[in-house]
Amino acid sequence: MTSRETHEPTVHSRGIATVFFCGAVIVLMFSVLTFGNATDWYEYVSGVVFVGLAATLTYRGVLALRTARDADASL
């Protein structure tokens, strides 16, 4: 949905940011479980990949919050 005057999205990104942060927490918890039960090298690599995914989701959540804050400031 867009506003008629500015043609910019009017849906706030706070909900999207919350989803990104919740996803990051879930992936980070899965990473901790992977590290805790790791016995072979590939399980450690999987844990590192999950940590990277959690960091990426957190970064996207911060960007979404920044976008929502900028949208609120422009109103």
C-alpha atoms as a PDB file:
ATOM      1  CA  MET A   1       0.000   0.000   0.000  1.00  0.00           C
ATOM      2  CA  THR A   2       1.382   3.430  -0.899  1.00  0.00           C
ATOM      3  CA  SER A   3       0.363   6.939   0.002  1.00  0.00           C
ATOM      4  CA  ARG A   4      -1.085   9.014  -2.801  1.00  0.00           C
ATOM      5  CA  GLU A   5       1.102  12.088  -2.311  1.00  0.00           C
ATOM      6  CA  THR A   6       4.565  10.554  -2.047  1.00  0.00           C
ATOM      7  CA  HIS A   7       4.202   7.084  -3.587  1.00  0.00           C
ATOM      8  CA  GLU A   8       6.228   5.668  -0.694  1.00  0.00           C
ATOM      9  CA  PRO A   9       5.318   2.582   1.316  1.00  0.00           C
ATOM     10  CA  THR A  10       3.116   3.395   4.307  1.00  0.00           C
ATOM     11  CA  VAL A  11       3.458   0.034   6.027  1.00  0.00           C
ATOM     12  CA  HIS A  12       5.817   0.391   8.960  1.00  0.00           C
ATOM     13  CA  SER A  13       8.838  -1.854   9.115  1.00  0.00           C
ATOM     14  CA  ARG A  14       8.661  -2.478  12.854  1.00  0.00           C
ATOM     15  CA  GLY A  15       6.786  -5.747  12.369  1.00  0.00           C
ATOM     16  CA  ILE A  16       9.284  -6.888   9.769  1.00  0.00           C
ATOM     17  CA  ALA A  17      12.142  -5.949  12.085  1.00  0.00           C
ATOM     18  CA  THR A  18      10.558  -7.986  14.874  1.00  0.00           C
ATOM     19  CA  VAL A  19      10.335 -11.007  12.597  1.00  0.00           C
ATOM     20  CA  PHE A  20      14.007 -10.621  11.650  1.00  0.00           C
ATOM     21  CA  PHE A  21      15.055 -10.364  15.311  1.00  0.00           C
ATOM     22  CA  CYS A  22      12.970 -13.384  16.325  1.00  0.00           C
ATOM     23  CA  GLY A  23      14.445 -15.370  13.446  1.00  0.00           C
ATOM     24  CA  ALA A  24      17.936 -14.359  14.551  1.00  0.00           C
ATOM     25  CA  VAL A  25      17.265 -15.570  18.098  1.00  0.00           C
ATOM     26  CA  ILE A  26      15.908 -18.894  16.864  1.00  0.00           C
ATOM     27  CA  VAL A  27      18.870 -19.472  14.539  1.00  0.00           C
ATOM     28  CA  LEU A  28      21.295 -18.475  17.305  1.00  0.00           C
ATOM     29  CA  MET A  29      19.684 -20.978  19.675  1.00  0.00           C
ATOM     30  CA  PHE A  30      19.979 -23.657  17.001  1.00  0.00           C
ATOM     31  CA  SER A  31      23.643 -22.702  16.596  1.00  0.00           C
ATOM     32  CA  VAL A  32      24.260 -23.139  20.323  1.00  0.00           C
ATOM     33  CA  LEU A  33      22.684 -26.584  20.170  1.00  0.00           C
ATOM     34  CA  THR A  34      24.846 -27.444  17.177  1.00  0.00           C
ATOM     35  CA  PHE A  35      28.029 -26.341  18.950  1.00  0.00           C
ATOM     36  CA  GLY A  36      27.016 -28.190  22.121  1.00  0.00           C
ATOM     37  CA  ASN A  37      26.542 -31.509  20.359  1.00  0.00           C
ATOM     38  CA  ALA A  38      29.319 -31.176  17.773  1.00  0.00           C
ATOM     39  CA  THR A  39      31.610 -34.171  17.349  1.00  0.00           C
ATOM     40  CA  ASP A  40      32.923 -33.727  13.800  1.00  0.00           C
ATOM     41  CA  TRP A  41      34.376 -30.784  11.897  1.00  0.00           C
ATOM     42  CA  TYR A  42      31.340 -30.295   9.679  1.00  0.00           C
ATOM     43  CA  GLU A  43      29.112 -29.760  12.691  1.00  0.00           C
ATOM     44  CA  TYR A  44      31.370 -26.911  13.811  1.00  0.00           C
ATOM     45  CA  VAL A  45      31.194 -25.451  10.307  1.00  0.00           C
ATOM     46  CA  SER A  46      27.403 -25.692  10.429  1.00  0.00           C
ATOM     47  CA  GLY A  47      27.437 -23.827  13.749  1.00  0.00           C
ATOM     48  CA  VAL A  48      29.543 -21.043  12.254  1.00  0.00           C
ATOM     49  CA  VAL A  49      27.186 -20.810   9.269  1.00  0.00           C
ATOM     50  CA  PHE A  50      24.223 -20.507  11.651  1.00  0.00           C
ATOM     51  CA  VAL A  51      25.971 -17.732  13.594  1.00  0.00           C
ATOM     52  CA  GLY A  52      26.563 -15.899  10.311  1.00  0.00           C
ATOM     53  CA  LEU A  53      22.902 -16.300   9.380  1.00  0.00           C
ATOM     54  CA  ALA A  54      21.853 -14.943  12.781  1.00  0.00           C
ATOM     55  CA  ALA A  55      24.146 -11.942  12.293  1.00  0.00           C
ATOM     56  CA  THR A  56      22.665 -11.310   8.853  1.00  0.00           C
ATOM     57  CA  LEU A  57      19.108 -11.469  10.198  1.00  0.00           C
ATOM     58  CA  THR A  58      20.034  -9.071  12.995  1.00  0.00           C
ATOM     59  CA  TYR A  59      21.557  -6.652  10.485  1.00  0.00           C
ATOM     60  CA  ARG A  60      18.405  -6.758   8.345  1.00  0.00           C
ATOM     61  CA  GLY A  61      16.305  -6.123  11.464  1.00  0.00           C
ATOM     62  CA  VAL A  62      18.377  -3.060  12.346  1.00  0.00           C
ATOM     63  CA  LEU A  63      17.991  -1.737   8.791  1.00  0.00           C
ATOM     64  CA  ALA A  64      14.225  -2.271   8.969  1.00  0.00           C
ATOM     65  CA  LEU A  65      14.047  -0.394  12.279  1.00  0.00           C
ATOM     66  CA  ARG A  66      16.118   2.441  10.837  1.00  0.00           C
ATOM     67  CA  THR A  67      13.763   2.618   7.854  1.00  0.00           C
ATOM     68  CA  ALA A  68      10.737   2.714  10.158  1.00  0.00           C
ATOM     69  CA  ARG A  69      12.317   5.461  12.264  1.00  0.00           C
ATOM     70  CA  ASP A  70      13.112   7.533   9.178  1.00  0.00           C
ATOM     71  CA  ALA A  71       9.575   7.053   7.875  1.00  0.00           C
ATOM     72  CA  ASP A  72       8.138   8.220  11.202  1.00  0.00           C
ATOM     73  CA  ALA A  73      10.460  11.242  11.248  1.00  0.00           C
ATOM     74  CA  SER A  74       9.395  12.318   7.766  1.00  0.00           C
ATOM     75  CA  LEU A  75       5.720  12.431   8.774  1.00  0.00           C
END
